[in-house]
Amino acid sequence: MKTRFSSLVTIKKNMLQKSERVLQQANKNLQNAKNALQESLMALDEITLPKEGSMAEFLANRSLLDAQRSLIEYNEKWVTYAQKEVADAKEQLKHDMIEYEKFKYLELQEIEKVLKAQKLQEAKDLDEVALMTHGKKIKMRQAS
């Protein structure tokens, strides 16, 4: 049954679904960030320090360690950003769910009001029909 809230309920439902998709994407992004951080930490563990060699080898190894640490720092920032993104998406989803439920409730109230009015009108119509048929029976008895 269509009410004045039906189109709003549809819009709110679409917004809710969009928020769910955004949250799924944010969770996927967070998982990717965590995986990248884990991989960069494992790569740091795989770097071995030379025990002997030339100064150039030591400097090259030091540069490699610095680059890996900077990659880890970047990935940590990415994880932090992705966590904030997930929190924001959850908050938006919560807000959209409340809005959807609010308008869904209003729609149900409107439907109940219309159904109640219809039942009342049907009862009045039935009473009117009963009075008419009762009146005809009385006239028929009087005529006989």
N, C-alpha and C. Protein backbone atom coordinates (compact mmCIF):
# COMPACT_ATOMS: atom_id res chain seq x y z
N MET A 1 0.84 -1.17 0.00
CA MET A 1 0.00 0.00 0.00
C MET A 1 0.89 1.24 0.00
N LYS A 2 0.60 2.12 -0.90
CA LYS A 2 1.38 3.35 -1.01
C LYS A 2 0.89 4.39 -0.01
N THR A 3 1.85 5.04 0.63
CA THR A 3 1.52 6.14 1.54
C THR A 3 2.40 7.32 1.15
N ARG A 4 2.21 8.40 1.85
CA ARG A 4 3.04 9.58 1.55
C ARG A 4 4.49 9.35 1.98
N PHE A 5 4.73 8.31 2.79
CA PHE A 5 6.09 8.01 3.24
C PHE A 5 6.78 6.95 2.39
N SER A 6 6.06 6.31 1.49
CA SER A 6 6.61 5.20 0.71
C SER A 6 7.86 5.59 -0.09
N SER A 7 7.80 6.73 -0.75
CA SER A 7 8.96 7.15 -1.55
C SER A 7 10.15 7.48 -0.65
N LEU A 8 9.87 8.07 0.52
CA LEU A 8 10.95 8.36 1.46
C LEU A 8 11.57 7.08 2.01
N VAL A 9 10.72 6.09 2.27
CA VAL A 9 11.24 4.80 2.76
C VAL A 9 12.15 4.18 1.70
N THR A 10 11.75 4.26 0.45
CA THR A 10 12.58 3.72 -0.64
C THR A 10 13.92 4.45 -0.72
N ILE A 11 13.88 5.75 -0.60
CA ILE A 11 15.11 6.54 -0.65
C ILE A 11 16.02 6.19 0.53
N LYS A 12 15.43 6.11 1.71
CA LYS A 12 16.22 5.78 2.91
C LYS A 12 16.79 4.37 2.82
N LYS A 13 16.04 3.46 2.24
CA LYS A 13 16.53 2.09 2.07
C LYS A 13 17.73 2.07 1.11
N ASN A 14 17.63 2.84 0.04
CA ASN A 14 18.75 2.94 -0.91
C ASN A 14 19.98 3.54 -0.24
N MET A 15 19.77 4.55 0.59
CA MET A 15 20.89 5.16 1.31
C MET A 15 21.50 4.16 2.29
N LEU A 16 20.66 3.37 2.93
CA LEU A 16 21.14 2.34 3.86
C LEU A 16 21.98 1.31 3.12
N GLN A 17 21.51 0.87 1.98
CA GLN A 17 22.26 -0.10 1.18
C GLN A 17 23.59 0.49 0.71
N LYS A 18 23.58 1.76 0.34
CA LYS A 18 24.82 2.41 -0.08
C LYS A 18 25.80 2.46 1.09
N SER A 19 25.32 2.78 2.27
CA SER A 19 26.18 2.83 3.46
C SER A 19 26.76 1.45 3.77
N GLU A 20 25.96 0.41 3.57
CA GLU A 20 26.45 -0.95 3.78
C GLU A 20 27.58 -1.27 2.80
N ARG A 21 27.41 -0.86 1.55
CA ARG A 21 28.47 -1.10 0.55
C ARG A 21 29.73 -0.32 0.90
N VAL A 22 29.57 0.91 1.37
CA VAL A 22 30.72 1.74 1.75
C VAL A 22 31.46 1.08 2.92
N LEU A 23 30.71 0.56 3.89
CA LEU A 23 31.33 -0.12 5.03
C LEU A 23 32.07 -1.37 4.58
N GLN A 24 31.49 -2.13 3.68
CA GLN A 24 32.16 -3.32 3.16
C GLN A 24 33.47 -2.93 2.46
N GLN A 25 33.43 -1.88 1.68
CA GLN A 25 34.63 -1.41 0.99
C GLN A 25 35.68 -0.93 1.99
N ALA A 26 35.25 -0.23 3.03
CA ALA A 26 36.18 0.26 4.06
C ALA A 26 36.82 -0.91 4.80
N ASN A 27 36.03 -1.94 5.10
CA ASN A 27 36.59 -3.13 5.75
C ASN A 27 37.59 -3.83 4.84
N LYS A 28 37.29 -3.87 3.57
CA LYS A 28 38.21 -4.48 2.59
C LYS A 28 39.51 -3.68 2.53
N ASN A 29 39.38 -2.36 2.52
CA ASN A 29 40.55 -1.48 2.49
C ASN A 29 41.40 -1.67 3.75
N LEU A 30 40.73 -1.78 4.91
CA LEU A 30 41.44 -2.00 6.16
C LEU A 30 42.18 -3.33 6.13
N GLN A 31 41.54 -4.35 5.62
CA GLN A 31 42.20 -5.67 5.54
C GLN A 31 43.42 -5.60 4.62
N ASN A 32 43.30 -4.89 3.50
CA ASN A 32 44.43 -4.73 2.59
C ASN A 32 45.58 -3.99 3.28
N ALA A 33 45.23 -2.96 4.05
CA ALA A 33 46.25 -2.19 4.77
C ALA A 33 46.96 -3.06 5.80
N LYS A 34 46.19 -3.86 6.53
CA LYS A 34 46.79 -4.75 7.53
C LYS A 34 47.70 -5.80 6.86
N ASN A 35 47.24 -6.31 5.72
CA ASN A 35 48.07 -7.29 4.99
C ASN A 35 49.37 -6.65 4.52
N ALA A 36 49.29 -5.43 3.99
CA ALA A 36 50.49 -4.74 3.52
C ALA A 36 51.44 -4.48 4.68
N LEU A 37 50.92 -4.09 5.83
CA LEU A 37 51.76 -3.86 7.01
C LEU A 37 52.43 -5.15 7.44
N GLN A 38 51.67 -6.23 7.47
CA GLN A 38 52.22 -7.53 7.85
C GLN A 38 53.34 -7.96 6.90
N GLU A 39 53.10 -7.76 5.61
CA GLU A 39 54.11 -8.13 4.62
C GLU A 39 55.38 -7.28 4.77
N SER A 40 55.20 -6.00 5.05
CA SER A 40 56.38 -5.13 5.19
C SER A 40 57.15 -5.48 6.47
N LEU A 41 56.46 -5.88 7.52
CA LEU A 41 57.14 -6.31 8.74
C LEU A 41 57.90 -7.62 8.51
N MET A 42 57.29 -8.52 7.75
CA MET A 42 57.99 -9.78 7.44
C MET A 42 59.21 -9.52 6.57
N ALA A 43 59.09 -8.58 5.64
CA ALA A 43 60.22 -8.25 4.77
C ALA A 43 61.36 -7.65 5.59
N LEU A 44 61.02 -6.87 6.61
CA LEU A 44 62.06 -6.30 7.49
C LEU A 44 62.79 -7.41 8.25
N ASP A 45 62.04 -8.41 8.70
CA ASP A 45 62.66 -9.54 9.40
C ASP A 45 63.59 -10.34 8.49
N GLU A 46 63.31 -10.33 7.20
CA GLU A 46 64.12 -11.10 6.25
C GLU A 46 65.44 -10.42 5.90
N ILE A 47 65.55 -9.14 6.20
CA ILE A 47 66.78 -8.42 5.89
C ILE A 47 67.85 -8.83 6.91
N THR A 48 68.96 -9.33 6.41
CA THR A 48 70.04 -9.75 7.30
C THR A 48 71.13 -8.68 7.32
N LEU A 49 71.68 -8.49 8.49
CA LEU A 49 72.76 -7.52 8.64
C LEU A 49 74.08 -8.20 8.28
N PRO A 50 74.88 -7.52 7.47
CA PRO A 50 76.18 -8.12 7.13
C PRO A 50 77.13 -8.05 8.34
N LYS A 51 77.86 -9.11 8.52
CA LYS A 51 78.82 -9.16 9.63
C LYS A 51 80.19 -8.64 9.19
N GLU A 52 80.41 -8.72 7.93
CA GLU A 52 81.69 -8.23 7.40
C GLU A 52 81.48 -7.77 5.97
N GLY A 53 82.38 -7.01 5.48
CA GLY A 53 82.30 -6.51 4.12
C GLY A 53 82.77 -5.07 4.06
N SER A 54 82.57 -4.48 2.90
CA SER A 54 83.03 -3.11 2.70
C SER A 54 82.02 -2.11 3.27
N MET A 55 82.46 -0.91 3.39
CA MET A 55 81.62 0.16 3.91
C MET A 55 80.43 0.38 2.97
N ALA A 56 80.61 0.23 1.67
CA ALA A 56 79.54 0.41 0.70
C ALA A 56 78.43 -0.61 0.94
N GLU A 57 78.80 -1.85 1.28
CA GLU A 57 77.81 -2.89 1.57
C GLU A 57 77.02 -2.54 2.83
N PHE A 58 77.75 -2.04 3.86
CA PHE A 58 77.08 -1.64 5.10
C PHE A 58 76.10 -0.47 4.83
N LEU A 59 76.54 0.50 4.03
CA LEU A 59 75.68 1.65 3.71
C LEU A 59 74.47 1.22 2.87
N ALA A 60 74.69 0.30 1.94
CA ALA A 60 73.60 -0.20 1.10
C ALA A 60 72.58 -0.93 1.97
N ASN A 61 73.08 -1.72 2.92
CA ASN A 61 72.19 -2.44 3.82
C ASN A 61 71.42 -1.47 4.71
N ARG A 62 72.12 -0.44 5.16
CA ARG A 62 71.49 0.58 6.00
C ARG A 62 70.39 1.31 5.22
N SER A 63 70.63 1.61 3.96
CA SER A 63 69.63 2.25 3.11
C SER A 63 68.42 1.34 2.91
N LEU A 64 68.68 0.06 2.75
CA LEU A 64 67.61 -0.91 2.59
C LEU A 64 66.75 -0.98 3.86
N LEU A 65 67.39 -0.98 5.02
CA LEU A 65 66.67 -0.98 6.30
C LEU A 65 65.84 0.30 6.46
N ASP A 66 66.44 1.44 6.12
CA ASP A 66 65.72 2.71 6.21
C ASP A 66 64.50 2.73 5.29
N ALA A 67 64.66 2.23 4.08
CA ALA A 67 63.55 2.18 3.12
C ALA A 67 62.44 1.27 3.64
N GLN A 68 62.82 0.15 4.21
CA GLN A 68 61.81 -0.79 4.72
C GLN A 68 61.08 -0.19 5.93
N ARG A 69 61.81 0.51 6.78
CA ARG A 69 61.18 1.15 7.94
C ARG A 69 60.22 2.25 7.49
N SER A 70 60.61 2.98 6.47
CA SER A 70 59.72 4.03 5.97
C SER A 70 58.47 3.42 5.34
N LEU A 71 58.61 2.26 4.69
CA LEU A 71 57.46 1.55 4.13
C LEU A 71 56.54 1.08 5.27
N ILE A 72 57.12 0.59 6.34
CA ILE A 72 56.34 0.16 7.50
C ILE A 72 55.59 1.35 8.10
N GLU A 73 56.26 2.48 8.22
CA GLU A 73 55.61 3.68 8.76
C GLU A 73 54.44 4.10 7.87
N TYR A 74 54.65 4.06 6.56
CA TYR A 74 53.58 4.39 5.62
C TYR A 74 52.40 3.44 5.80
N ASN A 75 52.68 2.13 5.89
CA ASN A 75 51.62 1.15 6.05
C ASN A 75 50.89 1.29 7.38
N GLU A 76 51.61 1.69 8.43
CA GLU A 76 50.96 1.95 9.72
C GLU A 76 49.99 3.13 9.61
N LYS A 77 50.40 4.16 8.89
CA LYS A 77 49.51 5.30 8.67
C LYS A 77 48.29 4.89 7.85
N TRP A 78 48.51 4.01 6.89
CA TRP A 78 47.43 3.52 6.05
C TRP A 78 46.43 2.74 6.91
N VAL A 79 46.93 1.90 7.81
CA VAL A 79 46.05 1.13 8.70
C VAL A 79 45.24 2.09 9.58
N THR A 80 45.91 3.10 10.13
CA THR A 80 45.22 4.07 10.98
C THR A 80 44.12 4.80 10.20
N TYR A 81 44.45 5.22 8.99
CA TYR A 81 43.47 5.89 8.13
C TYR A 81 42.31 4.95 7.81
N ALA A 82 42.62 3.71 7.50
CA ALA A 82 41.58 2.74 7.15
C ALA A 82 40.68 2.45 8.35
N GLN A 83 41.26 2.41 9.55
CA GLN A 83 40.46 2.21 10.76
C GLN A 83 39.50 3.37 10.97
N LYS A 84 39.97 4.59 10.73
CA LYS A 84 39.11 5.76 10.86
C LYS A 84 38.00 5.71 9.80
N GLU A 85 38.36 5.29 8.61
CA GLU A 85 37.40 5.16 7.53
C GLU A 85 36.29 4.16 7.91
N VAL A 86 36.67 3.03 8.51
CA VAL A 86 35.70 2.03 8.94
C VAL A 86 34.80 2.60 10.04
N ALA A 87 35.40 3.29 11.00
CA ALA A 87 34.61 3.89 12.09
C ALA A 87 33.61 4.90 11.54
N ASP A 88 34.04 5.73 10.60
CA ASP A 88 33.14 6.71 9.99
C ASP A 88 32.01 6.02 9.22
N ALA A 89 32.36 4.95 8.50
CA ALA A 89 31.36 4.22 7.72
C ALA A 89 30.35 3.55 8.65
N LYS A 90 30.81 3.03 9.78
CA LYS A 90 29.90 2.42 10.76
C LYS A 90 28.95 3.47 11.33
N GLU A 91 29.48 4.63 11.62
CA GLU A 91 28.66 5.71 12.17
C GLU A 91 27.60 6.15 11.16
N GLN A 92 27.99 6.27 9.90
CA GLN A 92 27.04 6.65 8.85
C GLN A 92 25.98 5.57 8.67
N LEU A 93 26.40 4.32 8.71
CA LEU A 93 25.45 3.21 8.58
C LEU A 93 24.45 3.23 9.74
N LYS A 94 24.94 3.48 10.93
CA LYS A 94 24.06 3.56 12.11
C LYS A 94 23.03 4.68 11.93
N HIS A 95 23.50 5.83 11.49
CA HIS A 95 22.60 6.97 11.25
C HIS A 95 21.56 6.62 10.18
N ASP A 96 22.01 6.01 9.08
CA ASP A 96 21.09 5.66 8.00
C ASP A 96 20.08 4.60 8.44
N MET A 97 20.51 3.67 9.29
CA MET A 97 19.58 2.66 9.79
C MET A 97 18.50 3.31 10.65
N ILE A 98 18.89 4.25 11.48
CA ILE A 98 17.91 4.94 12.33
C ILE A 98 16.92 5.71 11.47
N GLU A 99 17.42 6.41 10.46
CA GLU A 99 16.54 7.18 9.57
C GLU A 99 15.57 6.25 8.82
N TYR A 100 16.10 5.13 8.33
CA TYR A 100 15.25 4.17 7.61
C TYR A 100 14.16 3.63 8.52
N GLU A 101 14.55 3.22 9.73
CA GLU A 101 13.58 2.68 10.67
C GLU A 101 12.52 3.71 11.05
N LYS A 102 12.95 4.95 11.19
CA LYS A 102 12.02 6.04 11.55
C LYS A 102 10.94 6.19 10.47
N PHE A 103 11.36 6.26 9.22
CA PHE A 103 10.39 6.45 8.14
C PHE A 103 9.58 5.19 7.89
N LYS A 104 10.17 4.04 8.12
CA LYS A 104 9.44 2.77 7.99
C LYS A 104 8.32 2.73 9.05
N TYR A 105 8.63 3.17 10.25
CA TYR A 105 7.65 3.22 11.33
C TYR A 105 6.51 4.19 10.97
N LEU A 106 6.89 5.36 10.45
CA LEU A 106 5.86 6.33 10.06
C LEU A 106 4.97 5.78 8.95
N GLU A 107 5.58 5.05 8.03
CA GLU A 107 4.80 4.44 6.95
C GLU A 107 3.82 3.41 7.52
N LEU A 108 4.29 2.60 8.45
CA LEU A 108 3.41 1.59 9.05
C LEU A 108 2.27 2.25 9.82
N GLN A 109 2.58 3.34 10.51
CA GLN A 109 1.53 4.06 11.23
C GLN A 109 0.49 4.61 10.25
N GLU A 110 0.94 5.12 9.14
CA GLU A 110 0.03 5.66 8.12
C GLU A 110 -0.83 4.55 7.53
N ILE A 111 -0.23 3.38 7.28
CA ILE A 111 -0.98 2.24 6.75
C ILE A 111 -2.04 1.79 7.76
N GLU A 112 -1.65 1.72 9.02
CA GLU A 112 -2.61 1.33 10.06
C GLU A 112 -3.77 2.32 10.13
N LYS A 113 -3.46 3.59 10.01
CA LYS A 113 -4.50 4.62 10.05
C LYS A 113 -5.47 4.44 8.87
N VAL A 114 -4.94 4.19 7.69
CA VAL A 114 -5.78 4.00 6.50
C VAL A 114 -6.62 2.74 6.64
N LEU A 115 -6.01 1.65 7.12
CA LEU A 115 -6.75 0.40 7.28
C LEU A 115 -7.88 0.57 8.32
N LYS A 116 -7.58 1.28 9.38
CA LYS A 116 -8.58 1.53 10.42
C LYS A 116 -9.75 2.33 9.84
N ALA A 117 -9.44 3.35 9.04
CA ALA A 117 -10.48 4.15 8.40
C ALA A 117 -11.29 3.30 7.43
N GLN A 118 -10.64 2.40 6.69
CA GLN A 118 -11.35 1.53 5.77
C GLN A 118 -12.29 0.58 6.52
N LYS A 119 -11.80 0.02 7.63
CA LYS A 119 -12.64 -0.89 8.42
C LYS A 119 -13.85 -0.14 8.98
N LEU A 120 -13.62 1.06 9.44
CA LEU A 120 -14.71 1.87 9.96
C LEU A 120 -15.75 2.16 8.87
N GLN A 121 -15.26 2.50 7.68
CA GLN A 121 -16.16 2.77 6.55
C GLN A 121 -16.92 1.50 6.16
N GLU A 122 -16.25 0.36 6.16
CA GLU A 122 -16.91 -0.91 5.84
C GLU A 122 -17.99 -1.22 6.87
N ALA A 123 -17.68 -0.97 8.14
CA ALA A 123 -18.68 -1.21 9.19
C ALA A 123 -19.89 -0.30 8.99
N LYS A 124 -19.66 0.96 8.65
CA LYS A 124 -20.77 1.89 8.39
C LYS A 124 -21.60 1.42 7.20
N ASP A 125 -20.90 0.98 6.15
CA ASP A 125 -21.60 0.50 4.95
C ASP A 125 -22.44 -0.73 5.28
N LEU A 126 -21.88 -1.64 6.07
CA LEU A 126 -22.63 -2.84 6.44
C LEU A 126 -23.85 -2.48 7.29
N ASP A 127 -23.67 -1.52 8.21
CA ASP A 127 -24.79 -1.07 9.02
C ASP A 127 -25.89 -0.47 8.14
N GLU A 128 -25.49 0.31 7.17
CA GLU A 128 -26.44 0.94 6.26
C GLU A 128 -27.19 -0.10 5.44
N VAL A 129 -26.46 -1.11 4.95
CA VAL A 129 -27.10 -2.19 4.19
C VAL A 129 -28.06 -2.95 5.08
N ALA A 130 -27.63 -3.22 6.31
CA ALA A 130 -28.50 -3.94 7.24
C ALA A 130 -29.78 -3.14 7.52
N LEU A 131 -29.65 -1.84 7.70
CA LEU A 131 -30.83 -1.00 7.95
C LEU A 131 -31.75 -0.99 6.74
N MET A 132 -31.18 -0.95 5.55
CA MET A 132 -31.98 -0.93 4.33
C MET A 132 -32.74 -2.24 4.16
N THR A 133 -32.05 -3.37 4.36
CA THR A 133 -32.72 -4.66 4.21
C THR A 133 -33.74 -4.86 5.32
N HIS A 134 -33.43 -4.40 6.51
CA HIS A 134 -34.39 -4.50 7.61
C HIS A 134 -35.64 -3.66 7.31
N GLY A 135 -35.42 -2.48 6.76
CA GLY A 135 -36.54 -1.61 6.39
C GLY A 135 -37.40 -2.24 5.31
N LYS A 136 -36.80 -2.91 4.34
CA LYS A 136 -37.56 -3.58 3.27
C LYS A 136 -38.39 -4.72 3.84
N LYS A 137 -37.82 -5.46 4.80
CA LYS A 137 -38.55 -6.57 5.41
C LYS A 137 -39.78 -6.06 6.15
N ILE A 138 -39.60 -4.95 6.86
CA ILE A 138 -40.72 -4.38 7.60
C ILE A 138 -41.82 -3.92 6.63
N LYS A 139 -41.42 -3.27 5.53
CA LYS A 139 -42.39 -2.81 4.54
C LYS A 139 -43.11 -3.99 3.92
N MET A 140 -42.38 -5.07 3.65
CA MET A 140 -42.98 -6.27 3.04
C MET A 140 -43.98 -6.90 4.01
N ARG A 141 -43.69 -6.91 5.30
CA ARG A 141 -44.58 -7.49 6.30
C ARG A 141 -45.87 -6.62 6.43
N GLN A 142 -45.64 -5.32 6.36
CA GLN A 142 -46.78 -4.41 6.48
C GLN A 142 -47.67 -4.53 5.24
N ALA A 143 -47.04 -4.76 4.08
CA ALA A 143 -47.80 -4.86 2.85
C ALA A 143 -48.59 -6.18 2.82
N SER A 144 -48.08 -7.22 3.48
CA SER A 144 -48.78 -8.50 3.43
C SER A 144 -49.95 -8.55 4.31
